[in-house]
Amino acid sequence: PAEFRLRRKDGSYVDIETMSSIIYREGKPYAIIGISRDLTERKKMEEKLHKSEERYRTILEDIDECYFETDLKGNITFGNNAQCRDLGYTLDELKGLYFKQYTDESIIQKTRDIFANVYKTGQPARYEGAYINKSGMKYHSEVFVSLMRDSRGTPIGFRGLSRNISDRKKMEDALRKSEER
């Protein structure tokens, strides 16, 4: 198949797809047979879809909060720029990273329990946790996680937002120490 953009008599354009074959008679080309179909509406819908995907991709990439998706086992399947910034990994390094590789040991069981409950109930959860970036530095995040399902309703993973709250934790700690004195 070949695609063409043709100009109509009225000056508008039409996108078509054409397939053709040569018919031979006595070993010599005799005729060409073909079929064409109008792709104009499909092309318009593809362009709208592309613009919509671009819009949401840009939002996800540019928000300051970390957005992530994991499979049911806890491996990252998608992360945005903020997630890369906080964890210190590139997008390529982030994909496939297992949650235990960046989760502080003190909350690994808590994290498992929370995700298991989200899976079991389908209800989103919010919690705070400690994480370790690629360079070994510990930081704190507030995490919101929910269940992802396929078109049949079968759980396929988790998605979430997290916000680095390390500065807030330091201020709260300083205030607590000040009040103790």
N, C-alpha and C. Protein backbone atom coordinates (compact mmCIF):
# COMPACT_ATOMS: atom_id res chain seq x y z
N PRO A 1 0.83 -1.19 0.00
CA PRO A 1 0.00 0.00 0.00
C PRO A 1 0.88 1.26 0.00
N ALA A 2 0.38 2.27 -0.65
CA ALA A 2 1.06 3.57 -0.70
C ALA A 2 0.05 4.63 -0.29
N GLU A 3 0.54 5.65 0.42
CA GLU A 3 -0.33 6.74 0.84
C GLU A 3 0.02 8.00 0.05
N PHE A 4 -1.02 8.74 -0.31
CA PHE A 4 -0.86 9.98 -1.07
C PHE A 4 -1.75 11.05 -0.48
N ARG A 5 -1.35 12.28 -0.68
CA ARG A 5 -2.20 13.42 -0.36
C ARG A 5 -2.52 14.10 -1.69
N LEU A 6 -3.79 14.15 -2.01
CA LEU A 6 -4.23 14.71 -3.27
C LEU A 6 -5.05 15.97 -3.02
N ARG A 7 -4.99 16.85 -3.99
CA ARG A 7 -5.76 18.09 -3.89
C ARG A 7 -7.03 17.94 -4.71
N ARG A 8 -8.14 18.25 -4.08
CA ARG A 8 -9.44 18.16 -4.76
C ARG A 8 -9.66 19.40 -5.62
N LYS A 9 -10.69 19.34 -6.41
CA LYS A 9 -11.06 20.46 -7.28
C LYS A 9 -11.32 21.73 -6.49
N ASP A 10 -11.92 21.56 -5.29
CA ASP A 10 -12.27 22.72 -4.47
C ASP A 10 -11.08 23.28 -3.69
N GLY A 11 -9.90 22.67 -3.84
CA GLY A 11 -8.70 23.16 -3.17
C GLY A 11 -8.39 22.44 -1.86
N SER A 12 -9.32 21.67 -1.34
CA SER A 12 -9.07 20.92 -0.10
C SER A 12 -8.24 19.69 -0.42
N TYR A 13 -7.72 19.07 0.61
CA TYR A 13 -6.86 17.91 0.42
C TYR A 13 -7.54 16.65 0.95
N VAL A 14 -7.19 15.53 0.35
CA VAL A 14 -7.68 14.23 0.78
C VAL A 14 -6.47 13.30 0.88
N ASP A 15 -6.42 12.53 1.97
CA ASP A 15 -5.38 11.53 2.14
C ASP A 15 -5.96 10.20 1.71
N ILE A 16 -5.25 9.49 0.83
CA ILE A 16 -5.73 8.20 0.36
C ILE A 16 -4.64 7.15 0.49
N GLU A 17 -5.11 5.92 0.58
CA GLU A 17 -4.21 4.77 0.55
C GLU A 17 -4.60 3.97 -0.70
N THR A 18 -3.59 3.60 -1.47
CA THR A 18 -3.85 2.88 -2.72
C THR A 18 -3.04 1.59 -2.75
N MET A 19 -3.69 0.54 -3.20
CA MET A 19 -3.02 -0.73 -3.45
C MET A 19 -3.34 -1.11 -4.88
N SER A 20 -2.31 -1.55 -5.60
CA SER A 20 -2.56 -1.92 -6.99
C SER A 20 -1.69 -3.10 -7.40
N SER A 21 -2.10 -3.75 -8.46
CA SER A 21 -1.38 -4.90 -9.01
C SER A 21 -1.45 -4.84 -10.52
N ILE A 22 -0.44 -5.40 -11.15
CA ILE A 22 -0.43 -5.49 -12.61
C ILE A 22 -1.02 -6.83 -13.01
N ILE A 23 -1.87 -6.80 -14.00
CA ILE A 23 -2.44 -8.03 -14.55
C ILE A 23 -1.68 -8.34 -15.84
N TYR A 24 -1.22 -9.55 -15.92
CA TYR A 24 -0.46 -9.98 -17.10
C TYR A 24 -1.32 -10.88 -17.99
N ARG A 25 -1.15 -10.73 -19.30
CA ARG A 25 -1.81 -11.61 -20.27
C ARG A 25 -0.73 -12.03 -21.26
N GLU A 26 -0.59 -13.35 -21.37
CA GLU A 26 0.42 -13.93 -22.25
C GLU A 26 1.82 -13.40 -21.90
N GLY A 27 2.06 -13.22 -20.59
CA GLY A 27 3.38 -12.82 -20.12
C GLY A 27 3.67 -11.34 -20.23
N LYS A 28 2.71 -10.57 -20.74
CA LYS A 28 2.93 -9.13 -20.90
C LYS A 28 1.94 -8.36 -20.03
N PRO A 29 2.40 -7.19 -19.51
CA PRO A 29 1.46 -6.37 -18.72
C PRO A 29 0.24 -6.00 -19.56
N TYR A 30 -0.93 -6.23 -19.00
CA TYR A 30 -2.16 -6.00 -19.74
C TYR A 30 -2.97 -4.85 -19.13
N ALA A 31 -3.04 -4.86 -17.78
CA ALA A 31 -3.84 -3.85 -17.10
C ALA A 31 -3.34 -3.68 -15.67
N ILE A 32 -3.79 -2.61 -15.06
CA ILE A 32 -3.51 -2.37 -13.64
C ILE A 32 -4.85 -2.34 -12.93
N ILE A 33 -4.91 -3.07 -11.84
CA ILE A 33 -6.13 -3.08 -11.02
C ILE A 33 -5.75 -2.52 -9.66
N GLY A 34 -6.61 -1.70 -9.11
CA GLY A 34 -6.28 -1.10 -7.83
C GLY A 34 -7.50 -0.74 -7.02
N ILE A 35 -7.23 -0.44 -5.79
CA ILE A 35 -8.29 0.00 -4.89
C ILE A 35 -7.72 1.11 -4.02
N SER A 36 -8.52 2.10 -3.77
CA SER A 36 -8.09 3.23 -2.93
C SER A 36 -9.13 3.46 -1.86
N ARG A 37 -8.67 3.96 -0.76
CA ARG A 37 -9.64 4.35 0.29
C ARG A 37 -9.21 5.67 0.89
N ASP A 38 -10.22 6.41 1.32
CA ASP A 38 -10.02 7.74 1.90
C ASP A 38 -9.54 7.59 3.35
N LEU A 39 -8.40 8.16 3.65
CA LEU A 39 -7.83 8.11 5.00
C LEU A 39 -7.97 9.45 5.74
N THR A 40 -8.64 10.40 5.16
CA THR A 40 -8.69 11.76 5.70
C THR A 40 -9.18 11.79 7.14
N GLU A 41 -10.30 11.15 7.43
CA GLU A 41 -10.84 11.17 8.80
C GLU A 41 -9.91 10.46 9.77
N ARG A 42 -9.35 9.31 9.33
CA ARG A 42 -8.41 8.60 10.20
C ARG A 42 -7.19 9.45 10.51
N LYS A 43 -6.69 10.15 9.51
CA LYS A 43 -5.52 11.03 9.71
C LYS A 43 -5.85 12.15 10.69
N LYS A 44 -7.05 12.71 10.59
CA LYS A 44 -7.47 13.77 11.53
C LYS A 44 -7.53 13.23 12.95
N MET A 45 -8.10 12.02 13.11
CA MET A 45 -8.20 11.42 14.44
C MET A 45 -6.81 11.10 15.00
N GLU A 46 -5.91 10.60 14.14
CA GLU A 46 -4.54 10.31 14.58
C GLU A 46 -3.84 11.59 15.05
N GLU A 47 -4.07 12.68 14.36
CA GLU A 47 -3.45 13.96 14.74
C GLU A 47 -4.01 14.44 16.08
N LYS A 48 -5.33 14.32 16.27
CA LYS A 48 -5.93 14.71 17.56
C LYS A 48 -5.37 13.85 18.69
N LEU A 49 -5.27 12.55 18.45
CA LEU A 49 -4.72 11.64 19.45
C LEU A 49 -3.27 12.00 19.76
N HIS A 50 -2.50 12.27 18.75
CA HIS A 50 -1.10 12.65 18.94
C HIS A 50 -0.98 13.92 19.78
N LYS A 51 -1.80 14.92 19.47
CA LYS A 51 -1.77 16.17 20.25
C LYS A 51 -2.17 15.93 21.70
N SER A 52 -3.18 15.09 21.91
CA SER A 52 -3.62 14.77 23.26
C SER A 52 -2.52 14.03 24.03
N GLU A 53 -1.91 13.04 23.40
CA GLU A 53 -0.82 12.29 24.04
C GLU A 53 0.34 13.21 24.37
N GLU A 54 0.67 14.10 23.46
CA GLU A 54 1.77 15.05 23.66
C GLU A 54 1.47 15.97 24.85
N ARG A 55 0.22 16.40 24.94
CA ARG A 55 -0.19 17.28 26.04
C ARG A 55 0.01 16.59 27.39
N TYR A 56 -0.49 15.37 27.52
CA TYR A 56 -0.38 14.66 28.78
C TYR A 56 1.04 14.21 29.07
N ARG A 57 1.79 13.86 28.03
CA ARG A 57 3.19 13.50 28.23
C ARG A 57 3.97 14.70 28.77
N THR A 58 3.71 15.88 28.21
CA THR A 58 4.38 17.10 28.67
C THR A 58 4.01 17.42 30.11
N ILE A 59 2.75 17.26 30.46
CA ILE A 59 2.32 17.50 31.85
C ILE A 59 3.07 16.56 32.78
N LEU A 60 3.09 15.27 32.47
CA LEU A 60 3.77 14.30 33.33
C LEU A 60 5.26 14.57 33.45
N GLU A 61 5.87 14.96 32.34
CA GLU A 61 7.31 15.22 32.38
C GLU A 61 7.64 16.47 33.17
N ASP A 62 6.78 17.48 33.13
CA ASP A 62 7.11 18.78 33.70
C ASP A 62 6.61 19.03 35.12
N ILE A 63 5.71 18.19 35.64
CA ILE A 63 5.25 18.44 37.00
C ILE A 63 6.39 18.21 37.99
N ASP A 64 6.33 18.91 39.10
CA ASP A 64 7.39 18.82 40.10
C ASP A 64 7.27 17.55 40.95
N GLU A 65 6.08 16.98 41.01
CA GLU A 65 5.89 15.75 41.75
C GLU A 65 6.36 14.57 40.91
N CYS A 66 6.81 13.54 41.61
CA CYS A 66 7.25 12.32 40.94
C CYS A 66 6.03 11.50 40.55
N TYR A 67 6.00 11.06 39.31
CA TYR A 67 4.96 10.14 38.85
C TYR A 67 5.66 8.84 38.48
N PHE A 68 5.07 7.73 38.92
CA PHE A 68 5.67 6.43 38.61
C PHE A 68 4.61 5.40 38.35
N GLU A 69 5.00 4.36 37.61
CA GLU A 69 4.16 3.19 37.42
C GLU A 69 5.04 1.98 37.64
N THR A 70 4.47 0.95 38.29
CA THR A 70 5.20 -0.29 38.52
C THR A 70 4.36 -1.47 38.06
N ASP A 71 5.02 -2.59 37.82
CA ASP A 71 4.26 -3.80 37.57
C ASP A 71 3.83 -4.36 38.93
N LEU A 72 3.14 -5.47 38.93
CA LEU A 72 2.63 -6.03 40.19
C LEU A 72 3.74 -6.53 41.11
N LYS A 73 4.92 -6.80 40.56
CA LYS A 73 6.04 -7.28 41.37
C LYS A 73 6.81 -6.14 42.04
N GLY A 74 6.60 -4.90 41.59
CA GLY A 74 7.30 -3.76 42.19
C GLY A 74 8.44 -3.22 41.35
N ASN A 75 8.49 -3.58 40.07
CA ASN A 75 9.50 -3.05 39.15
C ASN A 75 8.96 -1.82 38.46
N ILE A 76 9.74 -0.75 38.41
CA ILE A 76 9.29 0.48 37.75
C ILE A 76 9.17 0.23 36.25
N THR A 77 8.01 0.59 35.71
CA THR A 77 7.79 0.48 34.27
C THR A 77 7.78 1.85 33.61
N PHE A 78 7.54 2.90 34.41
CA PHE A 78 7.53 4.27 33.88
C PHE A 78 7.80 5.23 35.03
N GLY A 79 8.53 6.28 34.73
CA GLY A 79 8.76 7.35 35.69
C GLY A 79 8.95 8.65 34.94
N ASN A 80 8.65 9.76 35.60
CA ASN A 80 8.82 11.06 34.94
C ASN A 80 10.16 11.69 35.34
N ASN A 81 10.40 12.89 34.84
CA ASN A 81 11.66 13.59 35.11
C ASN A 81 11.89 13.84 36.59
N ALA A 82 10.84 14.17 37.33
CA ALA A 82 10.98 14.42 38.77
C ALA A 82 11.39 13.14 39.50
N GLN A 83 10.87 12.02 39.08
CA GLN A 83 11.25 10.73 39.68
C GLN A 83 12.74 10.47 39.43
N CYS A 84 13.19 10.75 38.22
CA CYS A 84 14.62 10.61 37.90
C CYS A 84 15.46 11.54 38.76
N ARG A 85 15.01 12.77 38.93
CA ARG A 85 15.73 13.76 39.74
C ARG A 85 15.87 13.28 41.18
N ASP A 86 14.77 12.86 41.79
CA ASP A 86 14.82 12.45 43.20
C ASP A 86 15.63 11.19 43.41
N LEU A 87 15.49 10.22 42.51
CA LEU A 87 16.22 8.96 42.69
C LEU A 87 17.63 9.00 42.10
N GLY A 88 17.88 9.97 41.21
CA GLY A 88 19.22 10.12 40.65
C GLY A 88 19.54 9.19 39.49
N TYR A 89 18.52 8.59 38.90
CA TYR A 89 18.71 7.68 37.78
C TYR A 89 18.20 8.33 36.49
N THR A 90 18.74 7.89 35.36
CA THR A 90 18.19 8.30 34.06
C THR A 90 16.89 7.53 33.84
N LEU A 91 16.13 7.95 32.84
CA LEU A 91 14.89 7.24 32.51
C LEU A 91 15.17 5.78 32.17
N ASP A 92 16.24 5.54 31.41
CA ASP A 92 16.57 4.16 31.05
C ASP A 92 16.96 3.34 32.27
N GLU A 93 17.72 3.94 33.20
CA GLU A 93 18.13 3.22 34.42
C GLU A 93 16.94 2.96 35.33
N LEU A 94 15.98 3.88 35.33
CA LEU A 94 14.82 3.79 36.21
C LEU A 94 13.94 2.60 35.84
N LYS A 95 13.75 2.37 34.55
CA LYS A 95 12.88 1.28 34.10
C LYS A 95 13.44 -0.06 34.54
N GLY A 96 12.60 -0.84 35.20
CA GLY A 96 13.01 -2.16 35.67
C GLY A 96 13.60 -2.15 37.07
N LEU A 97 13.81 -0.96 37.65
CA LEU A 97 14.35 -0.87 39.00
C LEU A 97 13.35 -1.46 39.99
N TYR A 98 13.81 -2.38 40.82
CA TYR A 98 12.97 -3.05 41.81
C TYR A 98 12.84 -2.16 43.05
N PHE A 99 11.66 -2.11 43.65
CA PHE A 99 11.40 -1.15 44.73
C PHE A 99 12.39 -1.27 45.88
N LYS A 100 12.90 -2.46 46.16
CA LYS A 100 13.85 -2.62 47.26
C LYS A 100 15.19 -1.95 46.99
N GLN A 101 15.47 -1.65 45.72
CA GLN A 101 16.73 -1.02 45.35
C GLN A 101 16.78 0.45 45.75
N TYR A 102 15.65 1.08 46.00
CA TYR A 102 15.64 2.50 46.35
C TYR A 102 14.82 2.80 47.61
N THR A 103 14.30 1.77 48.24
CA THR A 103 13.48 1.94 49.44
C THR A 103 14.34 1.67 50.68
N ASP A 104 14.26 2.58 51.66
CA ASP A 104 14.99 2.39 52.90
C ASP A 104 14.50 1.11 53.59
N GLU A 105 15.43 0.36 54.13
CA GLU A 105 15.11 -0.92 54.77
C GLU A 105 14.01 -0.80 55.83
N SER A 106 13.96 0.35 56.50
CA SER A 106 13.01 0.54 57.59
C SER A 106 11.55 0.52 57.14
N ILE A 107 11.29 0.72 55.85
CA ILE A 107 9.89 0.75 55.40
C ILE A 107 9.57 -0.29 54.31
N ILE A 108 10.47 -1.22 54.07
CA ILE A 108 10.21 -2.22 53.03
C ILE A 108 8.96 -3.03 53.35
N GLN A 109 8.83 -3.54 54.57
CA GLN A 109 7.64 -4.33 54.92
C GLN A 109 6.38 -3.47 54.90
N LYS A 110 6.49 -2.24 55.40
CA LYS A 110 5.35 -1.31 55.39
C LYS A 110 4.89 -1.08 53.94
N THR A 111 5.85 -0.89 53.05
CA THR A 111 5.53 -0.67 51.63
C THR A 111 4.84 -1.88 51.04
N ARG A 112 5.36 -3.07 51.32
CA ARG A 112 4.72 -4.30 50.83
C ARG A 112 3.28 -4.40 51.32
N ASP A 113 3.09 -4.13 52.62
CA ASP A 113 1.75 -4.22 53.21
C ASP A 113 0.79 -3.23 52.57
N ILE A 114 1.25 -2.01 52.35
CA ILE A 114 0.39 -0.97 51.75
C ILE A 114 0.01 -1.36 50.33
N PHE A 115 0.99 -1.78 49.53
CA PHE A 115 0.69 -2.16 48.15
C PHE A 115 -0.21 -3.40 48.10
N ALA A 116 0.00 -4.35 49.01
CA ALA A 116 -0.86 -5.54 49.07
C ALA A 116 -2.30 -5.14 49.38
N ASN A 117 -2.47 -4.19 50.27
CA ASN A 117 -3.81 -3.73 50.63
C ASN A 117 -4.47 -2.99 49.46
N VAL A 118 -3.70 -2.17 48.75
CA VAL A 118 -4.23 -1.48 47.57
C VAL A 118 -4.66 -2.52 46.53
N TYR A 119 -3.85 -3.55 46.35
CA TYR A 119 -4.19 -4.63 45.40
C TYR A 119 -5.47 -5.35 45.83
N LYS A 120 -5.54 -5.69 47.12
CA LYS A 120 -6.67 -6.46 47.64
C LYS A 120 -7.98 -5.67 47.63
N THR A 121 -7.92 -4.40 48.02
CA THR A 121 -9.14 -3.60 48.16
C THR A 121 -9.45 -2.73 46.95
N GLY A 122 -8.42 -2.42 46.16
CA GLY A 122 -8.61 -1.50 45.05
C GLY A 122 -8.66 -0.05 45.49
N GLN A 123 -8.50 0.18 46.81
CA GLN A 123 -8.55 1.54 47.35
C GLN A 123 -7.16 2.17 47.36
N PRO A 124 -7.04 3.42 46.91
CA PRO A 124 -5.75 4.11 46.93
C PRO A 124 -5.25 4.29 48.36
N ALA A 125 -3.96 4.54 48.49
CA ALA A 125 -3.37 4.74 49.81
C ALA A 125 -2.38 5.89 49.76
N ARG A 126 -2.20 6.51 50.93
CA ARG A 126 -1.24 7.61 51.09
C ARG A 126 -0.36 7.26 52.29
N TYR A 127 0.95 7.43 52.14
CA TYR A 127 1.86 7.14 53.23
C TYR A 127 3.14 7.94 53.07
N GLU A 128 3.95 7.96 54.12
CA GLU A 128 5.27 8.59 54.07
C GLU A 128 6.32 7.51 54.19
N GLY A 129 7.43 7.72 53.48
CA GLY A 129 8.48 6.72 53.51
C GLY A 129 9.85 7.33 53.27
N ALA A 130 10.86 6.55 53.58
CA ALA A 130 12.25 6.96 53.38
C ALA A 130 12.81 6.19 52.18
N TYR A 131 13.53 6.92 51.35
CA TYR A 131 14.08 6.34 50.13
C TYR A 131 15.55 6.70 50.01
N ILE A 132 16.25 5.96 49.18
CA ILE A 132 17.69 6.17 49.01
C ILE A 132 17.96 6.37 47.52
N ASN A 133 18.59 7.50 47.19
CA ASN A 133 18.86 7.76 45.77
C ASN A 133 20.11 7.02 45.31
N LYS A 134 20.42 7.15 44.06
CA LYS A 134 21.52 6.42 43.44
C LYS A 134 22.86 6.68 44.14
N SER A 135 23.05 7.90 44.64
CA SER A 135 24.31 8.23 45.29
C SER A 135 24.34 7.82 46.76
N GLY A 136 23.26 7.19 47.26
CA GLY A 136 23.23 6.70 48.63
C GLY A 136 22.64 7.65 49.64
N MET A 137 22.18 8.81 49.19
CA MET A 137 21.58 9.79 50.11
C MET A 137 20.13 9.41 50.40
N LYS A 138 19.76 9.53 51.67
CA LYS A 138 18.41 9.21 52.12
C LYS A 138 17.54 10.46 52.03
N TYR A 139 16.32 10.28 51.61
CA TYR A 139 15.35 11.38 51.58
C TYR A 139 13.98 10.82 51.93
N HIS A 140 13.07 11.71 52.27
CA HIS A 140 11.71 11.32 52.67
C HIS A 140 10.70 11.80 51.63
N SER A 141 9.70 10.97 51.41
CA SER A 141 8.64 11.31 50.45
C SER A 141 7.28 10.98 51.02
N GLU A 142 6.32 11.76 50.58
CA GLU A 142 4.92 11.46 50.80
C GLU A 142 4.46 10.79 49.51
N VAL A 143 3.82 9.63 49.61
CA VAL A 143 3.48 8.83 48.44
C VAL A 143 1.97 8.59 48.40
N PHE A 144 1.41 8.72 47.21
CA PHE A 144 0.02 8.37 46.95
C PHE A 144 0.05 7.30 45.88
N VAL A 145 -0.55 6.15 46.14
CA VAL A 145 -0.50 5.03 45.20
C VAL A 145 -1.89 4.47 44.94
N SER A 146 -2.12 4.04 43.70
CA SER A 146 -3.40 3.43 43.33
C SER A 146 -3.14 2.26 42.38
N LEU A 147 -4.16 1.46 42.21
CA LEU A 147 -4.08 0.26 41.39
C LEU A 147 -4.36 0.60 39.92
N MET A 148 -3.58 0.02 39.03
CA MET A 148 -3.84 0.14 37.59
C MET A 148 -4.51 -1.14 37.12
N ARG A 149 -5.49 -1.00 36.26
CA ARG A 149 -6.20 -2.16 35.71
C ARG A 149 -6.22 -2.08 34.19
N ASP A 150 -6.30 -3.25 33.55
CA ASP A 150 -6.43 -3.26 32.10
C ASP A 150 -7.89 -3.04 31.73
N SER A 151 -8.21 -3.11 30.44
CA SER A 151 -9.57 -2.83 29.97
C SER A 151 -10.60 -3.84 30.48
N ARG A 152 -10.16 -5.01 30.93
CA ARG A 152 -11.07 -6.01 31.49
C ARG A 152 -11.21 -5.89 33.01
N GLY A 153 -10.47 -4.95 33.62
CA GLY A 153 -10.55 -4.76 35.06
C GLY A 153 -9.53 -5.58 35.85
N THR A 154 -8.65 -6.28 35.15
CA THR A 154 -7.63 -7.10 35.81
C THR A 154 -6.48 -6.21 36.28
N PRO A 155 -6.07 -6.34 37.55
CA PRO A 155 -4.94 -5.54 38.02
C PRO A 155 -3.68 -5.84 37.23
N ILE A 156 -2.98 -4.76 36.81
CA ILE A 156 -1.75 -4.94 36.02
C ILE A 156 -0.56 -4.23 36.66
N GLY A 157 -0.80 -3.43 37.69
CA GLY A 157 0.31 -2.72 38.32
C GLY A 157 -0.19 -1.61 39.21
N PHE A 158 0.71 -0.73 39.54
CA PHE A 158 0.40 0.40 40.41
C PHE A 158 0.90 1.68 39.77
N ARG A 159 0.23 2.79 40.09
CA ARG A 159 0.69 4.11 39.68
C ARG A 159 0.65 5.00 40.89
N GLY A 160 1.52 5.98 40.88
CA GLY A 160 1.52 6.85 42.04
C GLY A 160 2.21 8.17 41.82
N LEU A 161 2.01 9.02 42.78
CA LEU A 161 2.67 10.31 42.86
C LEU A 161 3.43 10.35 44.17
N SER A 162 4.60 10.95 44.14
CA SER A 162 5.33 11.15 45.39
C SER A 162 5.94 12.53 45.39
N ARG A 163 6.09 13.07 46.59
CA ARG A 163 6.65 14.42 46.75
C ARG A 163 7.75 14.33 47.80
N ASN A 164 8.91 14.85 47.46
CA ASN A 164 10.03 14.88 48.38
C ASN A 164 9.69 15.85 49.52
N ILE A 165 9.65 15.33 50.75
CA ILE A 165 9.30 16.15 51.91
C ILE A 165 10.47 16.23 52.90
N SER A 166 11.69 16.03 52.42
CA SER A 166 12.86 16.03 53.29
C SER A 166 13.03 17.36 54.02
N ASP A 167 12.85 18.48 53.31
CA ASP A 167 12.99 19.79 53.94
C ASP A 167 11.95 19.98 55.04
N ARG A 168 10.73 19.57 54.77
CA ARG A 168 9.66 19.67 55.77
C ARG A 168 9.99 18.83 56.99
N LYS A 169 10.50 17.61 56.77
CA LYS A 169 10.87 16.74 57.89
C LYS A 169 11.98 17.37 58.74
N LYS A 170 12.96 18.00 58.09
CA LYS A 170 14.05 18.67 58.82
C LYS A 170 13.51 19.82 59.66
N MET A 171 12.59 20.61 59.09
CA MET A 171 12.00 21.72 59.84
C MET A 171 11.18 21.20 61.03
N GLU A 172 10.41 20.15 60.82
CA GLU A 172 9.62 19.57 61.90
C GLU A 172 10.53 19.05 63.01
N ASP A 173 11.63 18.42 62.62
CA ASP A 173 12.59 17.90 63.59
C ASP A 173 13.24 19.03 64.38
N ALA A 174 13.62 20.11 63.68
CA ALA A 174 14.24 21.27 64.34
C ALA A 174 13.25 21.92 65.31
N LEU A 175 12.01 22.02 64.90
CA LEU A 175 10.98 22.61 65.76
C LEU A 175 10.75 21.75 66.99
N ARG A 176 10.70 20.44 66.81
CA ARG A 176 10.52 19.52 67.94
C ARG A 176 11.67 19.65 68.93
N LYS A 177 12.91 19.69 68.42
CA LYS A 177 14.07 19.84 69.29
C LYS A 177 14.07 21.17 70.02
N SER A 178 13.63 22.20 69.31
CA SER A 178 13.56 23.53 69.92
C SER A 178 12.53 23.54 71.05
N GLU A 179 11.39 22.89 70.82
CA GLU A 179 10.34 22.85 71.84
C GLU A 179 10.79 22.03 73.04
N GLU A 180 11.60 20.99 72.82
CA GLU A 180 12.10 20.17 73.91
C GLU A 180 13.03 20.97 74.82
N ARG A 181 13.83 21.85 74.20
CA ARG A 181 14.75 22.69 74.99
C ARG A 181 13.98 23.69 75.80
